[in-house]
Amino acid sequence: MRKAIQHLRLADPVLATIIEQVGPFRMTYTDPVFGSLVRSIVYQQLSGKAAATIFGRLLAATGQPITPGAILRLSFDDMRAIGLSKQKATYIQDLAAKTAAGEVVFEHFARMTNDQVLDRLTTVKGIGIWTVQMFLMFSLRRPDVLPCGDLGIRNAVQKAYGLREPATPALVEEIGERWRPYCSVASWYLWRSLEVRT
């Protein structure tokens, strides 16, 4: 990790300042398993507190670890009663069905490229680029993922680079070229920078 931090400090003086303000790198990882992706779906577009409550209810209904079989044993009404939206219940059921059928095999992801993981997972209803990018970063621990469309990243770039409005995904991509091959580390620092009072 020292090599990544050194590269980012030298490649981008703005990011060097953020690294100094935020402090040591402490990304929290999850295992690259079915339950981690279910959790990501639950957390889409919800506050952390609301999502944690719903995910806790889902764990209580399925047991730990969450398996495709446990999800498929729940009825659609059961999932709605837990607090999942109609869309999210459908997405989680589709992921469970595709995993149970062998169309999505979590054990294979470690050997696949980022683009291959993206191609495979976006065949599941409700799993888009952002969800796959989070899975790549926080579960597969890929070091060079840049979620250009993430609003937090765009806001952080706006704040750090003194822009009048959130950076466009294209501008994030352009600025981010200097962070490669450690965009995941840079992204973590950008998210944390929003919590630092200046």
C-alpha atoms as a PDB file:
ATOM      1  CA  MET A   1       0.000   0.000   0.000  1.00  0.00           C
ATOM      2  CA  ARG A   2       2.948   2.300   0.612  1.00  0.00           C
ATOM      3  CA  LYS A   3       3.778   2.126  -3.114  1.00  0.00           C
ATOM      4  CA  ALA A   4       0.215   3.178  -4.032  1.00  0.00           C
ATOM      5  CA  ILE A   5       0.218   6.124  -1.619  1.00  0.00           C
ATOM      6  CA  GLN A   6       3.635   7.268  -2.846  1.00  0.00           C
ATOM      7  CA  HIS A   7       2.483   7.081  -6.473  1.00  0.00           C
ATOM      8  CA  LEU A   8      -0.679   9.101  -5.764  1.00  0.00           C
ATOM      9  CA  ARG A   9       1.218  11.759  -3.795  1.00  0.00           C
ATOM     10  CA  LEU A  10       3.691  12.256  -6.631  1.00  0.00           C
ATOM     11  CA  ALA A  11       1.129  12.033  -9.437  1.00  0.00           C
ATOM     12  CA  ASP A  12      -1.348  14.582  -8.078  1.00  0.00           C
ATOM     13  CA  PRO A  13      -0.555  17.406  -5.613  1.00  0.00           C
ATOM     14  CA  VAL A  14      -4.298  17.885  -4.913  1.00  0.00           C
ATOM     15  CA  LEU A  15      -4.665  14.249  -3.911  1.00  0.00           C
ATOM     16  CA  ALA A  16      -1.444  14.511  -1.884  1.00  0.00           C
ATOM     17  CA  THR A  17      -3.144  17.195   0.220  1.00  0.00           C
ATOM     18  CA  ILE A  18      -6.212  14.987   0.694  1.00  0.00           C
ATOM     19  CA  ILE A  19      -4.034  12.042   1.774  1.00  0.00           C
ATOM     20  CA  GLU A  20      -2.370  14.288   4.342  1.00  0.00           C
ATOM     21  CA  GLN A  21      -5.737  15.499   5.684  1.00  0.00           C
ATOM     22  CA  VAL A  22      -7.443  12.078   5.787  1.00  0.00           C
ATOM     23  CA  GLY A  23      -4.563  10.036   7.170  1.00  0.00           C
ATOM     24  CA  PRO A  24      -3.835   6.299   6.871  1.00  0.00           C
ATOM     25  CA  PHE A  25      -5.623   4.192   4.272  1.00  0.00           C
ATOM     26  CA  ARG A  26      -8.205   1.923   5.951  1.00  0.00           C
ATOM     27  CA  MET A  27     -10.547   0.449   3.363  1.00  0.00           C
ATOM     28  CA  THR A  28     -12.954  -2.133   4.831  1.00  0.00           C
ATOM     29  CA  TYR A  29     -13.393  -5.231   2.678  1.00  0.00           C
ATOM     30  CA  THR A  30     -16.071  -7.927   2.405  1.00  0.00           C
ATOM     31  CA  ASP A  31     -15.712 -11.439   1.008  1.00  0.00           C
ATOM     32  CA  PRO A  32     -16.442 -11.881  -2.735  1.00  0.00           C
ATOM     33  CA  VAL A  33     -19.497 -14.045  -2.108  1.00  0.00           C
ATOM     34  CA  PHE A  34     -23.199 -14.062  -2.960  1.00  0.00           C
ATOM     35  CA  GLY A  35     -24.205 -12.340   0.297  1.00  0.00           C
ATOM     36  CA  SER A  36     -21.899  -9.372  -0.353  1.00  0.00           C
ATOM     37  CA  LEU A  37     -23.610  -8.654  -3.657  1.00  0.00           C
ATOM     38  CA  VAL A  38     -27.056  -9.050  -2.084  1.00  0.00           C
ATOM     39  CA  ARG A  39     -25.966  -6.492   0.510  1.00  0.00           C
ATOM     40  CA  SER A  40     -24.887  -4.099  -2.261  1.00  0.00           C
ATOM     41  CA  ILE A  41     -28.310  -4.374  -3.891  1.00  0.00           C
ATOM     42  CA  VAL A  42     -30.076  -3.705  -0.581  1.00  0.00           C
ATOM     43  CA  TYR A  43     -27.900  -0.617  -0.012  1.00  0.00           C
ATOM     44  CA  GLN A  44     -28.541   0.913  -3.454  1.00  0.00           C
ATOM     45  CA  GLN A  45     -30.011   4.432  -3.128  1.00  0.00           C
ATOM     46  CA  LEU A  46     -30.791   4.126   0.604  1.00  0.00           C
ATOM     47  CA  SER A  47     -29.327   5.800   3.661  1.00  0.00           C
ATOM     48  CA  GLY A  48     -26.921   3.565   5.536  1.00  0.00           C
ATOM     49  CA  LYS A  49     -29.230   3.284   8.552  1.00  0.00           C
ATOM     50  CA  ALA A  50     -32.325   2.275   6.565  1.00  0.00           C
ATOM     51  CA  ALA A  51     -30.344  -0.199   4.467  1.00  0.00           C
ATOM     52  CA  ALA A  52     -28.743  -1.762   7.553  1.00  0.00           C
ATOM     53  CA  THR A  53     -32.171  -2.292   9.111  1.00  0.00           C
ATOM     54  CA  ILE A  54     -33.552  -3.991   5.996  1.00  0.00           C
ATOM     55  CA  PHE A  55     -30.418  -6.084   5.511  1.00  0.00           C
ATOM     56  CA  GLY A  56     -30.604  -7.167   9.155  1.00  0.00           C
ATOM     57  CA  ARG A  57     -34.182  -8.357   8.625  1.00  0.00           C
ATOM     58  CA  LEU A  58     -33.100 -10.230   5.504  1.00  0.00           C
ATOM     59  CA  LEU A  59     -30.322 -11.967   7.445  1.00  0.00           C
ATOM     60  CA  ALA A  60     -32.819 -12.920  10.147  1.00  0.00           C
ATOM     61  CA  ALA A  61     -35.091 -14.459   7.506  1.00  0.00           C
ATOM     62  CA  THR A  62     -32.372 -16.348   5.619  1.00  0.00           C
ATOM     63  CA  GLY A  63     -29.692 -17.090   8.196  1.00  0.00           C
ATOM     64  CA  GLN A  64     -25.991 -16.433   7.733  1.00  0.00           C
ATOM     65  CA  PRO A  65     -24.348 -16.671   5.331  1.00  0.00           C
ATOM     66  CA  ILE A  66     -27.069 -15.756   2.854  1.00  0.00           C
ATOM     67  CA  THR A  67     -27.314 -18.409   0.155  1.00  0.00           C
ATOM     68  CA  PRO A  68     -29.198 -18.491  -3.156  1.00  0.00           C
ATOM     69  CA  GLY A  69     -31.332 -21.336  -1.812  1.00  0.00           C
ATOM     70  CA  ALA A  70     -32.337 -19.354   1.275  1.00  0.00           C
ATOM     71  CA  ILE A  71     -33.393 -16.416  -0.927  1.00  0.00           C
ATOM     72  CA  LEU A  72     -35.349 -18.655  -3.289  1.00  0.00           C
ATOM     73  CA  ARG A  73     -37.241 -20.169  -0.339  1.00  0.00           C
ATOM     74  CA  LEU A  74     -38.615 -16.712   0.502  1.00  0.00           C
ATOM     75  CA  SER A  75     -41.775 -15.656  -1.260  1.00  0.00           C
ATOM     76  CA  PHE A  76     -41.989 -12.313  -2.989  1.00  0.00           C
ATOM     77  CA  ASP A  77     -44.398 -11.200  -0.225  1.00  0.00           C
ATOM     78  CA  ASP A  78     -41.859 -12.272   2.427  1.00  0.00           C
ATOM     79  CA  MET A  79     -39.236 -10.081   0.797  1.00  0.00           C
ATOM     80  CA  ARG A  80     -41.599  -7.121   0.537  1.00  0.00           C
ATOM     81  CA  ALA A  81     -42.522  -7.551   4.234  1.00  0.00           C
ATOM     82  CA  ILE A  82     -38.825  -7.303   5.120  1.00  0.00           C
ATOM     83  CA  GLY A  83     -38.871  -3.822   3.602  1.00  0.00           C
ATOM     84  CA  LEU A  84     -37.394  -4.471   0.173  1.00  0.00           C
ATOM     85  CA  SER A  85     -38.865  -2.527  -2.710  1.00  0.00           C
ATOM     86  CA  LYS A  86     -40.564  -4.464  -5.490  1.00  0.00           C
ATOM     87  CA  GLN A  87     -37.567  -3.802  -7.731  1.00  0.00           C
ATOM     88  CA  LYS A  88     -34.936  -4.878  -5.212  1.00  0.00           C
ATOM     89  CA  ALA A  89     -36.833  -8.049  -4.326  1.00  0.00           C
ATOM     90  CA  THR A  90     -36.910  -8.877  -8.033  1.00  0.00           C
ATOM     91  CA  TYR A  91     -33.201  -8.107  -8.434  1.00  0.00           C
ATOM     92  CA  ILE A  92     -32.178 -10.277  -5.464  1.00  0.00           C
ATOM     93  CA  GLN A  93     -34.383 -13.154  -6.652  1.00  0.00           C
ATOM     94  CA  ASP A  94     -32.861 -12.892 -10.140  1.00  0.00           C
ATOM     95  CA  LEU A  95     -29.319 -12.977  -8.703  1.00  0.00           C
ATOM     96  CA  ALA A  96     -30.233 -16.004  -6.573  1.00  0.00           C
ATOM     97  CA  ALA A  97     -31.781 -17.827  -9.539  1.00  0.00           C
ATOM     98  CA  LYS A  98     -28.816 -17.135 -11.826  1.00  0.00           C
ATOM     99  CA  THR A  99     -26.351 -18.190  -9.100  1.00  0.00           C
ATOM    100  CA  ALA A 100     -28.275 -21.378  -8.345  1.00  0.00           C
ATOM    101  CA  ALA A 101     -28.382 -22.171 -12.078  1.00  0.00           C
ATOM    102  CA  GLY A 102     -24.616 -21.741 -12.414  1.00  0.00           C
ATOM    103  CA  GLU A 103     -24.858 -18.675 -14.643  1.00  0.00           C
ATOM    104  CA  VAL A 104     -23.103 -16.593 -11.976  1.00  0.00           C
ATOM    105  CA  VAL A 105     -20.255 -18.422 -10.215  1.00  0.00           C
ATOM    106  CA  PHE A 106     -18.633 -16.336  -7.491  1.00  0.00           C
ATOM    107  CA  GLU A 107     -15.607 -18.644  -7.268  1.00  0.00           C
ATOM    108  CA  HIS A 108     -14.665 -17.733 -10.851  1.00  0.00           C
ATOM    109  CA  PHE A 109     -14.479 -13.972 -10.339  1.00  0.00           C
ATOM    110  CA  ALA A 110     -10.965 -13.954  -8.839  1.00  0.00           C
ATOM    111  CA  ARG A 111      -9.595 -15.245 -12.166  1.00  0.00           C
ATOM    112  CA  MET A 112     -11.618 -12.845 -14.333  1.00  0.00           C
ATOM    113  CA  THR A 113     -10.701  -9.367 -15.526  1.00  0.00           C
ATOM    114  CA  ASN A 114     -12.703  -6.358 -14.323  1.00  0.00           C
ATOM    115  CA  ASP A 115     -14.472  -6.183 -17.688  1.00  0.00           C
ATOM    116  CA  GLN A 116     -15.327  -9.892 -17.574  1.00  0.00           C
ATOM    117  CA  VAL A 117     -16.828  -9.503 -14.082  1.00  0.00           C
ATOM    118  CA  LEU A 118     -18.785  -6.489 -15.312  1.00  0.00           C
ATOM    119  CA  ASP A 119     -20.109  -8.363 -18.339  1.00  0.00           C
ATOM    120  CA  ARG A 120     -21.195 -11.354 -16.246  1.00  0.00           C
ATOM    121  CA  LEU A 121     -22.845  -9.483 -13.379  1.00  0.00           C
ATOM    122  CA  THR A 122     -24.711  -6.936 -15.473  1.00  0.00           C
ATOM    123  CA  THR A 123     -26.740  -9.829 -16.919  1.00  0.00           C
ATOM    124  CA  VAL A 124     -28.532  -9.816 -13.543  1.00  0.00           C
ATOM    125  CA  LYS A 125     -31.551  -7.509 -13.257  1.00  0.00           C
ATOM    126  CA  GLY A 126     -30.780  -4.383 -11.266  1.00  0.00           C
ATOM    127  CA  ILE A 127     -27.007  -4.797 -11.235  1.00  0.00           C
ATOM    128  CA  GLY A 128     -25.401  -1.927 -13.082  1.00  0.00           C
ATOM    129  CA  ILE A 129     -21.929  -0.565 -13.484  1.00  0.00           C
ATOM    130  CA  TRP A 130     -21.813   1.159 -10.059  1.00  0.00           C
ATOM    131  CA  THR A 131     -22.794  -2.001  -8.134  1.00  0.00           C
ATOM    132  CA  VAL A 132     -20.180  -4.046  -9.996  1.00  0.00           C
ATOM    133  CA  GLN A 133     -17.546  -1.375  -9.356  1.00  0.00           C
ATOM    134  CA  MET A 134     -18.275  -1.518  -5.618  1.00  0.00           C
ATOM    135  CA  PHE A 135     -18.002  -5.329  -5.728  1.00  0.00           C
ATOM    136  CA  LEU A 136     -14.686  -5.070  -7.597  1.00  0.00           C
ATOM    137  CA  MET A 137     -13.299  -2.582  -5.084  1.00  0.00           C
ATOM    138  CA  PHE A 138     -14.624  -3.815  -1.755  1.00  0.00           C
ATOM    139  CA  SER A 139     -14.949  -7.568  -2.334  1.00  0.00           C
ATOM    140  CA  LEU A 140     -12.490  -8.529  -5.074  1.00  0.00           C
ATOM    141  CA  ARG A 141     -10.029  -5.882  -3.830  1.00  0.00           C
ATOM    142  CA  ARG A 142      -9.140  -4.675  -7.311  1.00  0.00           C
ATOM    143  CA  PRO A 143      -6.717  -1.734  -7.006  1.00  0.00           C
ATOM    144  CA  ASP A 144      -7.584   0.231 -10.146  1.00  0.00           C
ATOM    145  CA  VAL A 145     -11.348   0.871 -10.182  1.00  0.00           C
ATOM    146  CA  LEU A 146     -12.635   4.413 -10.735  1.00  0.00           C
ATOM    147  CA  PRO A 147     -16.409   4.856 -10.280  1.00  0.00           C
ATOM    148  CA  CYS A 148     -16.639   8.018 -12.389  1.00  0.00           C
ATOM    149  CA  GLY A 149     -20.412   8.269 -12.093  1.00  0.00           C
ATOM    150  CA  ASP A 150     -20.498   8.024  -8.287  1.00  0.00           C
ATOM    151  CA  LEU A 151     -21.931  11.262  -6.878  1.00  0.00           C
ATOM    152  CA  GLY A 152     -19.625  11.175  -3.844  1.00  0.00           C
ATOM    153  CA  ILE A 153     -16.559  10.962  -6.079  1.00  0.00           C
ATOM    154  CA  ARG A 154     -17.877  13.733  -8.317  1.00  0.00           C
ATOM    155  CA  ASN A 155     -18.599  15.972  -5.300  1.00  0.00           C
ATOM    156  CA  ALA A 156     -15.167  15.254  -3.829  1.00  0.00           C
ATOM    157  CA  VAL A 157     -13.456  16.206  -7.088  1.00  0.00           C
ATOM    158  CA  GLN A 158     -15.528  19.399  -7.195  1.00  0.00           C
ATOM    159  CA  LYS A 159     -14.464  20.297  -3.657  1.00  0.00           C
ATOM    160  CA  ALA A 160     -10.802  19.334  -4.077  1.00  0.00           C
ATOM    161  CA  TYR A 161     -10.251  20.998  -7.436  1.00  0.00           C
ATOM    162  CA  GLY A 162     -12.335  24.113  -6.741  1.00  0.00           C
ATOM    163  CA  LEU A 163     -15.008  23.506  -9.375  1.00  0.00           C
ATOM    164  CA  ARG A 164     -18.341  25.360  -9.411  1.00  0.00           C
ATOM    165  CA  GLU A 165     -20.404  22.161  -9.640  1.00  0.00           C
ATOM    166  CA  PRO A 166     -19.881  18.391  -9.332  1.00  0.00           C
ATOM    167  CA  ALA A 167     -17.364  17.062 -11.838  1.00  0.00           C
ATOM    168  CA  THR A 168     -18.760  15.235 -14.839  1.00  0.00           C
ATOM    169  CA  PRO A 169     -17.911  11.521 -15.130  1.00  0.00           C
ATOM    170  CA  ALA A 170     -15.747  12.408 -18.151  1.00  0.00           C
ATOM    171  CA  LEU A 171     -13.744  14.935 -16.114  1.00  0.00           C
ATOM    172  CA  VAL A 172     -13.299  12.431 -13.259  1.00  0.00           C
ATOM    173  CA  GLU A 173     -12.011   9.921 -15.824  1.00  0.00           C
ATOM    174  CA  GLU A 174      -9.623  12.520 -17.252  1.00  0.00           C
ATOM    175  CA  ILE A 175      -8.237  13.579 -13.864  1.00  0.00           C
ATOM    176  CA  GLY A 176      -8.142   9.950 -12.731  1.00  0.00           C
ATOM    177  CA  GLU A 177      -5.743   8.886 -15.469  1.00  0.00           C
ATOM    178  CA  ARG A 178      -2.877  10.202 -13.351  1.00  0.00           C
ATOM    179  CA  TRP A 179      -3.956   7.970 -10.425  1.00  0.00           C
ATOM    180  CA  ARG A 180      -3.647   4.696 -12.346  1.00  0.00           C
ATOM    181  CA  PRO A 181      -2.978   1.908 -11.461  1.00  0.00           C
ATOM    182  CA  TYR A 182      -4.337   2.837  -8.003  1.00  0.00           C
ATOM    183  CA  CYS A 183      -7.721   4.436  -8.702  1.00  0.00           C
ATOM    184  CA  SER A 184      -9.437   2.396  -5.957  1.00  0.00           C
ATOM    185  CA  VAL A 185      -7.112   3.922  -3.356  1.00  0.00           C
ATOM    186  CA  ALA A 186      -7.650   7.398  -4.792  1.00  0.00           C
ATOM    187  CA  SER A 187     -11.429   6.845  -4.721  1.00  0.00           C
ATOM    188  CA  TRP A 188     -11.341   5.843  -1.057  1.00  0.00           C
ATOM    189  CA  TYR A 189      -9.438   9.027  -0.213  1.00  0.00           C
ATOM    190  CA  LEU A 190     -11.881  11.143  -2.218  1.00  0.00           C
ATOM    191  CA  TRP A 191     -14.873   9.661  -0.328  1.00  0.00           C
ATOM    192  CA  ARG A 192     -13.157  10.253   3.017  1.00  0.00           C
ATOM    193  CA  SER A 193     -12.250  13.813   2.018  1.00  0.00           C
ATOM    194  CA  LEU A 194     -15.934  14.732   2.141  1.00  0.00           C
ATOM    195  CA  GLU A 195     -15.866  13.989   5.889  1.00  0.00           C
ATOM    196  CA  VAL A 196     -12.869  16.273   6.552  1.00  0.00           C
ATOM    197  CA  ARG A 197     -13.661  19.797   7.681  1.00  0.00           C
ATOM    198  CA  THR A 198     -11.468  22.378   6.034  1.00  0.00           C
END
